[in-house]
C-alpha atoms as a PDB file:
ATOM      1  CA  MET A   1      29.127  53.843  24.784  1.00  0.00           C
ATOM      2  CA  ALA A   2      26.442  51.161  24.899  1.00  0.00           C
ATOM      3  CA  ARG A   3      23.693  53.740  25.288  1.00  0.00           C
ATOM      4  CA  GLN A   4      25.142  55.789  22.449  1.00  0.00           C
ATOM      5  CA  ALA A   5      25.223  52.739  20.205  1.00  0.00           C
ATOM      6  CA  VAL A   6      21.607  51.955  21.033  1.00  0.00           C
ATOM      7  CA  ARG A   7      20.586  55.559  20.377  1.00  0.00           C
ATOM      8  CA  ASP A   8      22.439  55.591  17.075  1.00  0.00           C
ATOM      9  CA  GLY A   9      20.757  52.333  16.098  1.00  0.00           C
ATOM     10  CA  ILE A  10      17.312  53.740  16.876  1.00  0.00           C
ATOM     11  CA  VAL A  11      18.077  56.928  14.973  1.00  0.00           C
ATOM     12  CA  GLY A  12      19.280  54.895  12.002  1.00  0.00           C
ATOM     13  CA  ALA A  13      16.099  52.821  11.975  1.00  0.00           C
ATOM     14  CA  LEU A  14      13.959  55.946  12.214  1.00  0.00           C
ATOM     15  CA  VAL A  15      15.844  57.615   9.368  1.00  0.00           C
ATOM     16  CA  LEU A  16      15.326  54.545   7.173  1.00  0.00           C
ATOM     17  CA  THR A  17      11.620  54.567   8.047  1.00  0.00           C
ATOM     18  CA  GLU A  18      11.508  58.295   7.285  1.00  0.00           C
ATOM     19  CA  VAL A  19      12.997  57.725   3.830  1.00  0.00           C
ATOM     20  CA  VAL A  20      10.434  55.039   2.991  1.00  0.00           C
ATOM     21  CA  VAL A  21       7.442  56.946   4.395  1.00  0.00           C
ATOM     22  CA  VAL A  22       8.307  60.286   2.824  1.00  0.00           C
ATOM     23  CA  GLY A  23       9.332  58.641  -0.432  1.00  0.00           C
ATOM     24  CA  LEU A  24       5.945  56.947  -0.735  1.00  0.00           C
ATOM     25  CA  GLY A  25       4.121  60.105   0.319  1.00  0.00           C
ATOM     26  CA  ALA A  26       5.962  62.222  -2.238  1.00  0.00           C
ATOM     27  CA  PHE A  27       6.314  59.904  -5.233  1.00  0.00           C
ATOM     28  CA  ALA A  28       3.685  57.099  -5.170  1.00  0.00           C
ATOM     29  CA  ARG A  29       1.055  59.287  -6.801  1.00  0.00           C
ATOM     30  CA  LEU A  30       3.468  60.263  -9.581  1.00  0.00           C
ATOM     31  CA  VAL A  31       3.637  56.702 -10.912  1.00  0.00           C
ATOM     32  CA  PRO A  32       1.050  56.381 -13.728  1.00  0.00           C
ATOM     33  CA  SER A  33      -1.748  53.868 -13.296  1.00  0.00           C
ATOM     34  CA  GLU A  34      -0.746  52.315 -16.619  1.00  0.00           C
ATOM     35  CA  VAL A  35       2.307  50.847 -14.866  1.00  0.00           C
ATOM     36  CA  HIS A  36       1.208  47.383 -13.772  1.00  0.00           C
ATOM     37  CA  THR A  37       2.084  45.514 -10.553  1.00  0.00           C
ATOM     38  CA  ASN A  38       1.753  48.830  -8.674  1.00  0.00           C
ATOM     39  CA  SER A  39      -0.963  47.794  -6.213  1.00  0.00           C
ATOM     40  CA  VAL A  40       0.982  49.092  -3.226  1.00  0.00           C
ATOM     41  CA  LEU A  41       1.485  52.453  -4.910  1.00  0.00           C
ATOM     42  CA  ARG A  42      -2.233  52.729  -5.680  1.00  0.00           C
ATOM     43  CA  VAL A  43      -2.951  52.287  -1.976  1.00  0.00           C
ATOM     44  CA  MET A  44      -0.231  54.639  -0.852  1.00  0.00           C
ATOM     45  CA  ASP A  45      -0.957  57.539  -3.203  1.00  0.00           C
ATOM     46  CA  SER A  46      -4.319  58.106  -1.510  1.00  0.00           C
ATOM     47  CA  LEU A  47      -2.437  58.249   1.791  1.00  0.00           C
ATOM     48  CA  SER A  48       0.058  60.871   0.595  1.00  0.00           C
ATOM     49  CA  PHE A  49      -0.994  63.551   3.080  1.00  0.00           C
ATOM     50  CA  HIS A  50      -1.096  61.076   5.955  1.00  0.00           C
ATOM     51  CA  LEU A  51       2.336  59.667   5.108  1.00  0.00           C
ATOM     52  CA  LEU A  52       3.937  63.102   4.972  1.00  0.00           C
ATOM     53  CA  ILE A  53       2.400  64.065   8.319  1.00  0.00           C
ATOM     54  CA  VAL A  54       3.859  60.854   9.759  1.00  0.00           C
ATOM     55  CA  GLY A  55       7.179  61.931   8.240  1.00  0.00           C
ATOM     56  CA  LEU A  56       7.039  65.201  10.189  1.00  0.00           C
ATOM     57  CA  VAL A  57       6.321  63.294  13.392  1.00  0.00           C
ATOM     58  CA  LEU A  58       9.287  60.988  12.745  1.00  0.00           C
ATOM     59  CA  ALA A  59      11.510  64.014  12.167  1.00  0.00           C
ATOM     60  CA  GLY A  60      10.390  65.339  15.557  1.00  0.00           C
ATOM     61  CA  VAL A  61      11.246  62.024  17.237  1.00  0.00           C
ATOM     62  CA  ILE A  62      14.669  62.013  15.580  1.00  0.00           C
ATOM     63  CA  ALA A  63      15.250  65.539  16.902  1.00  0.00           C
ATOM     64  CA  ALA A  64      14.187  64.458  20.406  1.00  0.00           C
ATOM     65  CA  LEU A  65      16.866  61.752  20.287  1.00  0.00           C
ATOM     66  CA  GLY A  66      19.497  64.408  19.702  1.00  0.00           C
ATOM     67  CA  ALA A  67      20.150  64.018  15.979  1.00  0.00           C
ATOM     68  CA  ILE A  68      19.235  67.645  15.279  1.00  0.00           C
ATOM     69  CA  ARG A  69      20.903  68.053  11.899  1.00  0.00           C
ATOM     70  CA  VAL A  70      19.443  64.844  10.567  1.00  0.00           C
ATOM     71  CA  ALA A  71      16.009  65.838  11.902  1.00  0.00           C
ATOM     72  CA  LEU A  72      16.216  69.278  10.296  1.00  0.00           C
ATOM     73  CA  ALA A  73      17.147  67.765   6.946  1.00  0.00           C
ATOM     74  CA  ALA A  74      14.340  65.220   7.185  1.00  0.00           C
ATOM     75  CA  GLY A  75      11.856  67.863   8.236  1.00  0.00           C
ATOM     76  CA  LEU A  76      12.862  70.187   5.383  1.00  0.00           C
ATOM     77  CA  VAL A  77      12.491  67.441   2.777  1.00  0.00           C
ATOM     78  CA  THR A  78       9.127  66.411   4.205  1.00  0.00           C
ATOM     79  CA  LEU A  79       7.817  69.983   4.326  1.00  0.00           C
ATOM     80  CA  THR A  80       8.930  70.535   0.733  1.00  0.00           C
ATOM     81  CA  ALA A  81       7.071  67.416  -0.411  1.00  0.00           C
ATOM     82  CA  LEU A  82       4.023  68.481   1.584  1.00  0.00           C
ATOM     83  CA  GLY A  83       4.184  71.944   0.022  1.00  0.00           C
ATOM     84  CA  PHE A  84       4.181  70.479  -3.496  1.00  0.00           C
ATOM     85  CA  LEU A  85       1.216  68.268  -2.593  1.00  0.00           C
ATOM     86  CA  VAL A  86      -0.764  71.201  -1.167  1.00  0.00           C
ATOM     87  CA  ALA A  87       0.032  73.320  -4.233  1.00  0.00           C
ATOM     88  CA  ASP A  88      -1.115  70.512  -6.546  1.00  0.00           C
ATOM     89  CA  GLN A  89      -4.358  70.079  -4.603  1.00  0.00           C
ATOM     90  CA  ARG A  90      -4.968  73.816  -4.767  1.00  0.00           C
ATOM     91  CA  GLN A  91      -4.451  73.808  -8.529  1.00  0.00           C
ATOM     92  CA  HIS A  92      -7.014  71.032  -8.999  1.00  0.00           C
ATOM     93  CA  SER A  93      -9.654  72.365  -6.599  1.00  0.00           C
ATOM     94  CA  LEU A  94     -12.006  75.318  -6.287  1.00  0.00           C
ATOM     95  CA  PRO A  95     -13.102  77.344  -3.252  1.00  0.00           C
ATOM     96  CA  PHE A  96     -16.740  77.443  -2.219  1.00  0.00           C
ATOM     97  CA  VAL A  97     -18.924  80.211  -3.649  1.00  0.00           C
ATOM     98  CA  ASP A  98     -22.059  81.953  -2.410  1.00  0.00           C
ATOM     99  CA  ALA A  99     -25.225  81.415  -4.405  1.00  0.00           C
ATOM    100  CA  GLU A 100     -28.794  82.669  -4.577  1.00  0.00           C
ATOM    101  CA  SER A 101     -29.999  79.413  -6.142  1.00  0.00           C
ATOM    102  CA  SER A 102     -28.544  75.955  -5.627  1.00  0.00           C
ATOM    103  CA  VAL A 103     -29.426  72.262  -5.339  1.00  0.00           C
ATOM    104  CA  ARG A 104     -28.556  69.732  -2.652  1.00  0.00           C
ATOM    105  CA  VAL A 105     -27.160  66.351  -3.710  1.00  0.00           C
ATOM    106  CA  LEU A 106     -26.532  63.476  -1.309  1.00  0.00           C
ATOM    107  CA  TRP A 107     -24.078  60.645  -1.902  1.00  0.00           C
ATOM    108  CA  PHE A 108     -23.913  57.729   0.538  1.00  0.00           C
ATOM    109  CA  ASN A 109     -22.273  54.320   0.251  1.00  0.00           C
ATOM    110  CA  VAL A 110     -24.752  52.305   2.305  1.00  0.00           C
ATOM    111  CA  LEU A 111     -22.665  49.085   2.574  1.00  0.00           C
ATOM    112  CA  TYR A 112     -24.100  45.804   1.297  1.00  0.00           C
ATOM    113  CA  ASP A 113     -24.764  44.139   4.646  1.00  0.00           C
ATOM    114  CA  ASN A 114     -25.929  47.250   6.528  1.00  0.00           C
ATOM    115  CA  VAL A 115     -29.515  45.946   6.620  1.00  0.00           C
ATOM    116  CA  GLU A 116     -30.151  46.571  10.316  1.00  0.00           C
ATOM    117  CA  ASN A 117     -29.730  50.332   9.806  1.00  0.00           C
ATOM    118  CA  SER A 118     -31.995  50.532   6.755  1.00  0.00           C
ATOM    119  CA  ALA A 119     -34.832  52.397   8.490  1.00  0.00           C
ATOM    120  CA  ALA A 120     -32.438  54.835  10.208  1.00  0.00           C
ATOM    121  CA  ILE A 121     -30.661  55.601   6.931  1.00  0.00           C
ATOM    122  CA  VAL A 122     -33.937  56.332   5.154  1.00  0.00           C
ATOM    123  CA  ASP A 123     -35.060  58.526   8.062  1.00  0.00           C
ATOM    124  CA  ALA A 124     -31.799  60.490   7.888  1.00  0.00           C
ATOM    125  CA  ILE A 125     -32.089  60.990   4.118  1.00  0.00           C
ATOM    126  CA  ILE A 126     -35.684  62.159   4.389  1.00  0.00           C
ATOM    127  CA  GLU A 127     -34.694  64.597   7.136  1.00  0.00           C
ATOM    128  CA  ALA A 128     -31.791  65.977   5.050  1.00  0.00           C
ATOM    129  CA  ASN A 129     -34.248  66.390   2.130  1.00  0.00           C
ATOM    130  CA  PRO A 130     -31.740  66.640  -0.760  1.00  0.00           C
ATOM    131  CA  ASP A 131     -33.001  67.336  -4.272  1.00  0.00           C
ATOM    132  CA  LEU A 132     -31.147  64.286  -5.575  1.00  0.00           C
ATOM    133  CA  VAL A 133     -30.064  61.142  -3.726  1.00  0.00           C
ATOM    134  CA  VAL A 134     -27.289  58.901  -5.064  1.00  0.00           C
ATOM    135  CA  LEU A 135     -26.708  55.659  -3.150  1.00  0.00           C
ATOM    136  CA  GLY A 136     -23.981  53.063  -3.508  1.00  0.00           C
ATOM    137  CA  GLU A 137     -24.356  49.425  -2.408  1.00  0.00           C
ATOM    138  CA  ALA A 138     -28.017  50.222  -1.812  1.00  0.00           C
ATOM    139  CA  GLY A 139     -29.285  46.646  -1.650  1.00  0.00           C
ATOM    140  CA  ALA A 140     -29.323  46.934   2.132  1.00  0.00           C
ATOM    141  CA  LEU A 141     -32.182  49.450   1.867  1.00  0.00           C
ATOM    142  CA  VAL A 142     -34.592  47.208  -0.049  1.00  0.00           C
ATOM    143  CA  ALA A 143     -36.992  46.918   2.905  1.00  0.00           C
ATOM    144  CA  ASP A 144     -37.350  50.709   3.194  1.00  0.00           C
ATOM    145  CA  MET A 145     -36.720  51.843  -0.379  1.00  0.00           C
ATOM    146  CA  ASP A 146     -40.422  52.353  -1.139  1.00  0.00           C
ATOM    147  CA  ARG A 147     -40.713  54.731   1.802  1.00  0.00           C
ATOM    148  CA  LEU A 148     -37.746  56.731   0.505  1.00  0.00           C
ATOM    149  CA  ALA A 149     -39.022  56.650  -3.082  1.00  0.00           C
ATOM    150  CA  ALA A 150     -42.337  58.147  -1.966  1.00  0.00           C
ATOM    151  CA  ASN A 151     -40.480  61.429  -1.357  1.00  0.00           C
ATOM    152  CA  TYR A 152     -39.173  61.628  -4.934  1.00  0.00           C
ATOM    153  CA  ASP A 153     -40.553  61.713  -8.456  1.00  0.00           C
ATOM    154  CA  TRP A 154     -38.459  58.866  -9.818  1.00  0.00           C
ATOM    155  CA  ILE A 155     -36.012  56.117  -8.865  1.00  0.00           C
ATOM    156  CA  THR A 156     -33.627  54.132 -11.052  1.00  0.00           C
ATOM    157  CA  ASP A 157     -33.929  50.365 -11.355  1.00  0.00           C
ATOM    158  CA  CYS A 158     -31.502  47.911  -9.804  1.00  0.00           C
ATOM    159  CA  PRO A 159     -30.160  45.757 -12.653  1.00  0.00           C
ATOM    160  CA  ASP A 160     -29.204  43.043 -10.159  1.00  0.00           C
ATOM    161  CA  ASP A 161     -29.478  42.305  -6.453  1.00  0.00           C
ATOM    162  CA  HIS A 162     -26.428  44.381  -5.608  1.00  0.00           C
ATOM    163  CA  CYS A 163     -27.885  47.786  -6.547  1.00  0.00           C
ATOM    164  CA  GLU A 164     -24.443  49.231  -7.208  1.00  0.00           C
ATOM    165  CA  VAL A 165     -25.808  52.746  -7.760  1.00  0.00           C
ATOM    166  CA  VAL A 166     -29.370  53.948  -7.159  1.00  0.00           C
ATOM    167  CA  MET A 167     -30.612  57.466  -7.875  1.00  0.00           C
ATOM    168  CA  LEU A 168     -33.758  59.153  -6.609  1.00  0.00           C
ATOM    169  CA  GLY A 169     -34.708  62.654  -7.691  1.00  0.00           C
ATOM    170  CA  ARG A 170     -37.282  65.267  -8.414  1.00  0.00           C
ATOM    171  CA  GLY A 171     -38.109  66.532 -11.892  1.00  0.00           C
ATOM    172  CA  ALA A 172     -36.598  64.893 -14.961  1.00  0.00           C
ATOM    173  CA  ALA A 173     -35.743  61.216 -14.652  1.00  0.00           C
ATOM    174  CA  ALA A 174     -32.226  59.813 -14.677  1.00  0.00           C
ATOM    175  CA  GLU A 175     -30.681  57.864 -17.498  1.00  0.00           C
ATOM    176  CA  GLY A 176     -29.089  54.569 -16.556  1.00  0.00           C
ATOM    177  CA  GLN A 177     -26.097  53.393 -18.548  1.00  0.00           C
ATOM    178  CA  PRO A 178     -24.045  50.195 -18.308  1.00  0.00           C
ATOM    179  CA  PHE A 179     -20.781  51.065 -16.591  1.00  0.00           C
ATOM    180  CA  GLY A 180     -17.866  48.942 -15.503  1.00  0.00           C
ATOM    181  CA  ILE A 181     -16.780  45.397 -16.180  1.00  0.00           C
ATOM    182  CA  LEU A 182     -17.753  43.607 -12.989  1.00  0.00           C
ATOM    183  CA  ARG A 183     -21.441  44.509 -12.795  1.00  0.00           C
ATOM    184  CA  PRO A 184     -23.905  46.704 -14.709  1.00  0.00           C
ATOM    185  CA  GLY A 185     -25.623  49.689 -13.150  1.00  0.00           C
ATOM    186  CA  ARG A 186     -22.493  51.364 -11.778  1.00  0.00           C
ATOM    187  CA  TYR A 187     -23.186  54.648 -13.600  1.00  0.00           C
ATOM    188  CA  PHE A 188     -26.254  56.906 -13.795  1.00  0.00           C
ATOM    189  CA  THR A 189     -26.828  60.450 -14.990  1.00  0.00           C
ATOM    190  CA  ALA A 190     -29.563  62.960 -14.234  1.00  0.00           C
ATOM    191  CA  GLU A 191     -30.365  66.617 -14.840  1.00  0.00           C
ATOM    192  CA  LEU A 192     -31.320  69.050 -12.086  1.00  0.00           C
ATOM    193  CA  PRO A 193     -32.631  72.588 -12.717  1.00  0.00           C
ATOM    194  CA  VAL A 194     -30.523  75.286 -11.052  1.00  0.00           C
ATOM    195  CA  GLY A 195     -31.619  78.877 -11.572  1.00  0.00           C
ATOM    196  CA  GLY A 196     -32.990  78.218 -15.029  1.00  0.00           C
ATOM    197  CA  GLN A 197     -30.016  76.097 -16.116  1.00  0.00           C
ATOM    198  CA  ALA A 198     -29.460  72.334 -16.148  1.00  0.00           C
ATOM    199  CA  LEU A 199     -26.901  70.654 -13.890  1.00  0.00           C
ATOM    200  CA  ASN A 200     -25.726  67.288 -15.200  1.00  0.00           C
ATOM    201  CA  VAL A 201     -25.185  64.917 -12.284  1.00  0.00           C
ATOM    202  CA  VAL A 202     -23.169  61.714 -12.664  1.00  0.00           C
ATOM    203  CA  GLY A 203     -23.246  59.029  -9.968  1.00  0.00           C
ATOM    204  CA  ALA A 204     -20.679  56.235 -10.126  1.00  0.00           C
ATOM    205  CA  HIS A 205     -19.198  53.438  -8.028  1.00  0.00           C
ATOM    206  CA  PHE A 206     -15.675  52.330  -8.944  1.00  0.00           C
ATOM    207  CA  VAL A 207     -13.788  49.142  -8.300  1.00  0.00           C
ATOM    208  CA  LYS A 208     -10.668  49.552  -6.200  1.00  0.00           C
ATOM    209  CA  PRO A 209      -7.866  51.234  -8.175  1.00  0.00           C
ATOM    210  CA  TRP A 210      -5.358  48.452  -7.565  1.00  0.00           C
ATOM    211  CA  PHE A 211      -7.451  46.020  -9.634  1.00  0.00           C
ATOM    212  CA  ASP A 212      -5.236  46.265 -12.706  1.00  0.00           C
ATOM    213  CA  GLY A 213      -7.150  46.443 -15.968  1.00  0.00           C
ATOM    214  CA  LEU A 214     -10.618  46.576 -14.405  1.00  0.00           C
ATOM    215  CA  ALA A 215     -10.083  49.898 -12.645  1.00  0.00           C
ATOM    216  CA  GLY A 216      -8.296  51.408 -15.614  1.00  0.00           C
ATOM    217  CA  THR A 217     -11.203  50.620 -17.929  1.00  0.00           C
ATOM    218  CA  GLU A 218     -13.742  52.224 -15.590  1.00  0.00           C
ATOM    219  CA  GLN A 219     -11.549  55.300 -15.152  1.00  0.00           C
ATOM    220  CA  TRP A 220     -11.176  55.638 -18.912  1.00  0.00           C
ATOM    221  CA  GLN A 221     -14.938  55.234 -19.401  1.00  0.00           C
ATOM    222  CA  LEU A 222     -15.886  57.899 -16.882  1.00  0.00           C
ATOM    223  CA  ARG A 223     -13.298  60.362 -18.153  1.00  0.00           C
ATOM    224  CA  ASN A 224     -14.521  60.033 -21.730  1.00  0.00           C
ATOM    225  CA  ARG A 225     -18.217  60.100 -20.836  1.00  0.00           C
ATOM    226  CA  VAL A 226     -17.923  63.219 -18.680  1.00  0.00           C
ATOM    227  CA  ARG A 227     -15.764  65.156 -21.119  1.00  0.00           C
ATOM    228  CA  LYS A 228     -18.519  64.754 -23.732  1.00  0.00           C
ATOM    229  CA  ILE A 229     -21.229  66.218 -21.502  1.00  0.00           C
ATOM    230  CA  GLU A 230     -22.243  69.697 -22.577  1.00  0.00           C
ATOM    231  CA  GLY A 231     -22.992  72.039 -19.703  1.00  0.00           C
ATOM    232  CA  PRO A 232     -22.234  72.141 -15.960  1.00  0.00           C
ATOM    233  CA  VAL A 233     -21.346  68.800 -14.354  1.00  0.00           C
ATOM    234  CA  LEU A 234     -21.326  67.322 -10.848  1.00  0.00           C
ATOM    235  CA  VAL A 235     -19.733  63.885 -10.390  1.00  0.00           C
ATOM    236  CA  VAL A 236     -20.421  62.045  -7.130  1.00  0.00           C
ATOM    237  CA  GLY A 237     -19.557  58.566  -5.983  1.00  0.00           C
ATOM    238  CA  ASP A 238     -17.192  56.134  -4.349  1.00  0.00           C
ATOM    239  CA  PHE A 239     -13.886  56.342  -6.218  1.00  0.00           C
ATOM    240  CA  ASN A 240     -11.992  54.201  -3.683  1.00  0.00           C
ATOM    241  CA  ALA A 241      -9.179  56.753  -4.028  1.00  0.00           C
ATOM    242  CA  ALA A 242      -8.406  60.308  -2.921  1.00  0.00           C
ATOM    243  CA  PRO A 243      -8.691  63.234  -5.380  1.00  0.00           C
ATOM    244  CA  TRP A 244      -4.897  63.696  -5.390  1.00  0.00           C
ATOM    245  CA  SER A 245      -4.243  60.029  -6.247  1.00  0.00           C
ATOM    246  CA  ASN A 246      -2.913  59.257  -9.698  1.00  0.00           C
ATOM    247  CA  PRO A 247      -6.054  57.576 -11.126  1.00  0.00           C
ATOM    248  CA  VAL A 248      -8.504  60.223  -9.890  1.00  0.00           C
ATOM    249  CA  ARG A 249      -6.219  63.088 -10.860  1.00  0.00           C
ATOM    250  CA  TRP A 250      -5.935  61.605 -14.366  1.00  0.00           C
ATOM    251  CA  MET A 251      -9.731  61.475 -14.632  1.00  0.00           C
ATOM    252  CA  MET A 252     -10.160  64.988 -13.261  1.00  0.00           C
ATOM    253  CA  GLU A 253      -7.673  66.540 -15.661  1.00  0.00           C
ATOM    254  CA  GLY A 254      -9.105  64.742 -18.688  1.00  0.00           C
ATOM    255  CA  ALA A 255     -12.713  65.637 -17.848  1.00  0.00           C
ATOM    256  CA  ASP A 256     -12.019  69.188 -16.559  1.00  0.00           C
ATOM    257  CA  LEU A 257     -13.243  68.423 -13.027  1.00  0.00           C
ATOM    258  CA  TYR A 258     -12.268  70.003  -9.701  1.00  0.00           C
ATOM    259  CA  SER A 259     -12.623  68.893  -6.095  1.00  0.00           C
ATOM    260  CA  ALA A 260     -13.394  70.951  -3.026  1.00  0.00           C
ATOM    261  CA  ARG A 261     -10.336  72.821  -1.787  1.00  0.00           C
ATOM    262  CA  VAL A 262     -10.326  70.686   1.378  1.00  0.00           C
ATOM    263  CA  PRO A 263     -12.084  67.394   0.541  1.00  0.00           C
ATOM    264  CA  VAL A 264     -14.201  65.804   3.275  1.00  0.00           C
ATOM    265  CA  ALA A 265     -12.684  62.609   4.678  1.00  0.00           C
ATOM    266  CA  THR A 266     -15.053  59.661   4.252  1.00  0.00           C
ATOM    267  CA  TRP A 267     -13.176  56.436   5.058  1.00  0.00           C
ATOM    268  CA  PRO A 268     -12.890  54.718   7.419  1.00  0.00           C
ATOM    269  CA  VAL A 269     -15.887  56.211   9.175  1.00  0.00           C
ATOM    270  CA  GLY A 270     -14.283  55.748  12.594  1.00  0.00           C
ATOM    271  CA  ALA A 271     -11.421  58.074  11.655  1.00  0.00           C
ATOM    272  CA  GLY A 272     -13.801  60.986  11.120  1.00  0.00           C
ATOM    273  CA  ALA A 273     -12.068  64.079   9.778  1.00  0.00           C
ATOM    274  CA  LEU A 274      -8.700  62.256   9.920  1.00  0.00           C
ATOM    275  CA  GLY A 275      -9.741  59.659   7.360  1.00  0.00           C
ATOM    276  CA  VAL A 276      -9.165  59.514   3.609  1.00  0.00           C
ATOM    277  CA  PRO A 277     -11.509  61.281   1.120  1.00  0.00           C
ATOM    278  CA  ILE A 278     -12.178  58.308  -1.148  1.00  0.00           C
ATOM    279  CA  ASP A 279     -15.766  59.420  -1.868  1.00  0.00           C
ATOM    280  CA  GLN A 280     -15.887  62.395  -4.215  1.00  0.00           C
ATOM    281  CA  VAL A 281     -17.954  65.406  -5.184  1.00  0.00           C
ATOM    282  CA  LEU A 282     -16.316  66.890  -8.268  1.00  0.00           C
ATOM    283  CA  VAL A 283     -17.563  69.852 -10.310  1.00  0.00           C
ATOM    284  CA  GLY A 284     -16.726  71.124 -13.756  1.00  0.00           C
ATOM    285  CA  HIS A 285     -17.848  72.863 -16.945  1.00  0.00           C
ATOM    286  CA  GLY A 286     -19.127  75.852 -14.968  1.00  0.00           C
ATOM    287  CA  ALA A 287     -20.673  74.180 -11.909  1.00  0.00           C
ATOM    288  CA  ARG A 288     -19.396  75.257  -8.472  1.00  0.00           C
ATOM    289  CA  LEU A 289     -19.658  73.940  -4.944  1.00  0.00           C
ATOM    290  CA  VAL A 290     -21.401  76.065  -2.332  1.00  0.00           C
ATOM    291  CA  SER A 291     -20.702  73.620   0.504  1.00  0.00           C
ATOM    292  CA  VAL A 292     -19.843  69.990   1.230  1.00  0.00           C
ATOM    293  CA  GLU A 293     -20.417  68.299   4.573  1.00  0.00           C
ATOM    294  CA  ALA A 294     -20.197  64.789   5.971  1.00  0.00           C
ATOM    295  CA  PHE A 295     -23.347  62.701   6.310  1.00  0.00           C
ATOM    296  CA  GLY A 296     -24.226  59.550   8.211  1.00  0.00           C
ATOM    297  CA  ASP A 297     -21.285  58.975  10.547  1.00  0.00           C
ATOM    298  CA  ASP A 298     -23.503  56.847  12.803  1.00  0.00           C
ATOM    299  CA  LEU A 299     -25.531  54.948  10.211  1.00  0.00           C
ATOM    300  CA  GLY A 300     -23.556  51.704  10.155  1.00  0.00           C
ATOM    301  CA  SER A 301     -21.590  52.118   6.934  1.00  0.00           C
ATOM    302  CA  ASN A 302     -17.803  52.016   6.763  1.00  0.00           C
ATOM    303  CA  HIS A 303     -18.028  55.255   4.729  1.00  0.00           C
ATOM    304  CA  ARG A 304     -19.254  58.702   5.650  1.00  0.00           C
ATOM    305  CA  GLY A 305     -21.614  60.163   3.082  1.00  0.00           C
ATOM    306  CA  LEU A 306     -21.410  63.580   1.445  1.00  0.00           C
ATOM    307  CA  LEU A 307     -24.100  66.255   1.289  1.00  0.00           C
ATOM    308  CA  ALA A 308     -23.162  68.840  -1.335  1.00  0.00           C
ATOM    309  CA  GLU A 309     -24.788  72.113  -2.262  1.00  0.00           C
ATOM    310  CA  VAL A 310     -24.112  73.010  -5.893  1.00  0.00           C
ATOM    311  CA  THR A 311     -24.756  76.069  -8.018  1.00  0.00           C
ATOM    312  CA  ILE A 312     -24.193  77.401 -11.529  1.00  0.00           C
ATOM    313  CA  PRO A 313     -22.930  81.009 -11.216  1.00  0.00           C
END
């Protein structure tokens, strides 16, 4: 009887944990960002896939303890929630396409204090040889920025010491625009020629989505700026949120943007492919992704970068 009571107690605790985990995984991202005091939800909605996978594991543990019916019910609910999440991601994403002509765009959040890896980061970028480089928190590269700039036709200015977003490219120069409340220089645009057409590239660095008011203003700004761009668009940057999260999904829908079908995980870098895709490459208005791969796992940042190949069919 004592063992049975202990087992029942463990099962009860696991079921309660299952309810919380699956509930957050299924419903956190459905709560609009306009609802204030939802900081926990803004963290959890980017973890929706991870939470639901944990829910499946918990259901397996419950089954191993002998509560088969409870485990089956928990597993069915979790799989249903996971199915809805996968279907939603599929609806808001596009598969890769083949292309005869394309451009390569690199996004990398360098990390402010990653100074000791400056030379290695520049070496890696030069070796990758993208047509356009977009860097976040690029102040750490000041010592080697001239060497990187020598490989490109133009580089944007840093409006302050932080260098929130820096672009380097070939061909037409980028246009810097004030973006965000906290610091200027968080938004740049450029045009890249692709098979006789122009690809509009937007690079941005967002504040964390649980900063009520600040994040909402930046999200509103980007959505409205991108929706006004005429022609194919690529948006790259650190969104501090996954593409299925409520804030990013709201921006994507309003600006007619789509993610890769399976986004590349970028944070934390140590988690590799099991991390969260909080850095984005989004396409819209006719642009398509040919490929997206991780960049710079071993370059000292807490983010992996993204190297995207983009075309205009």
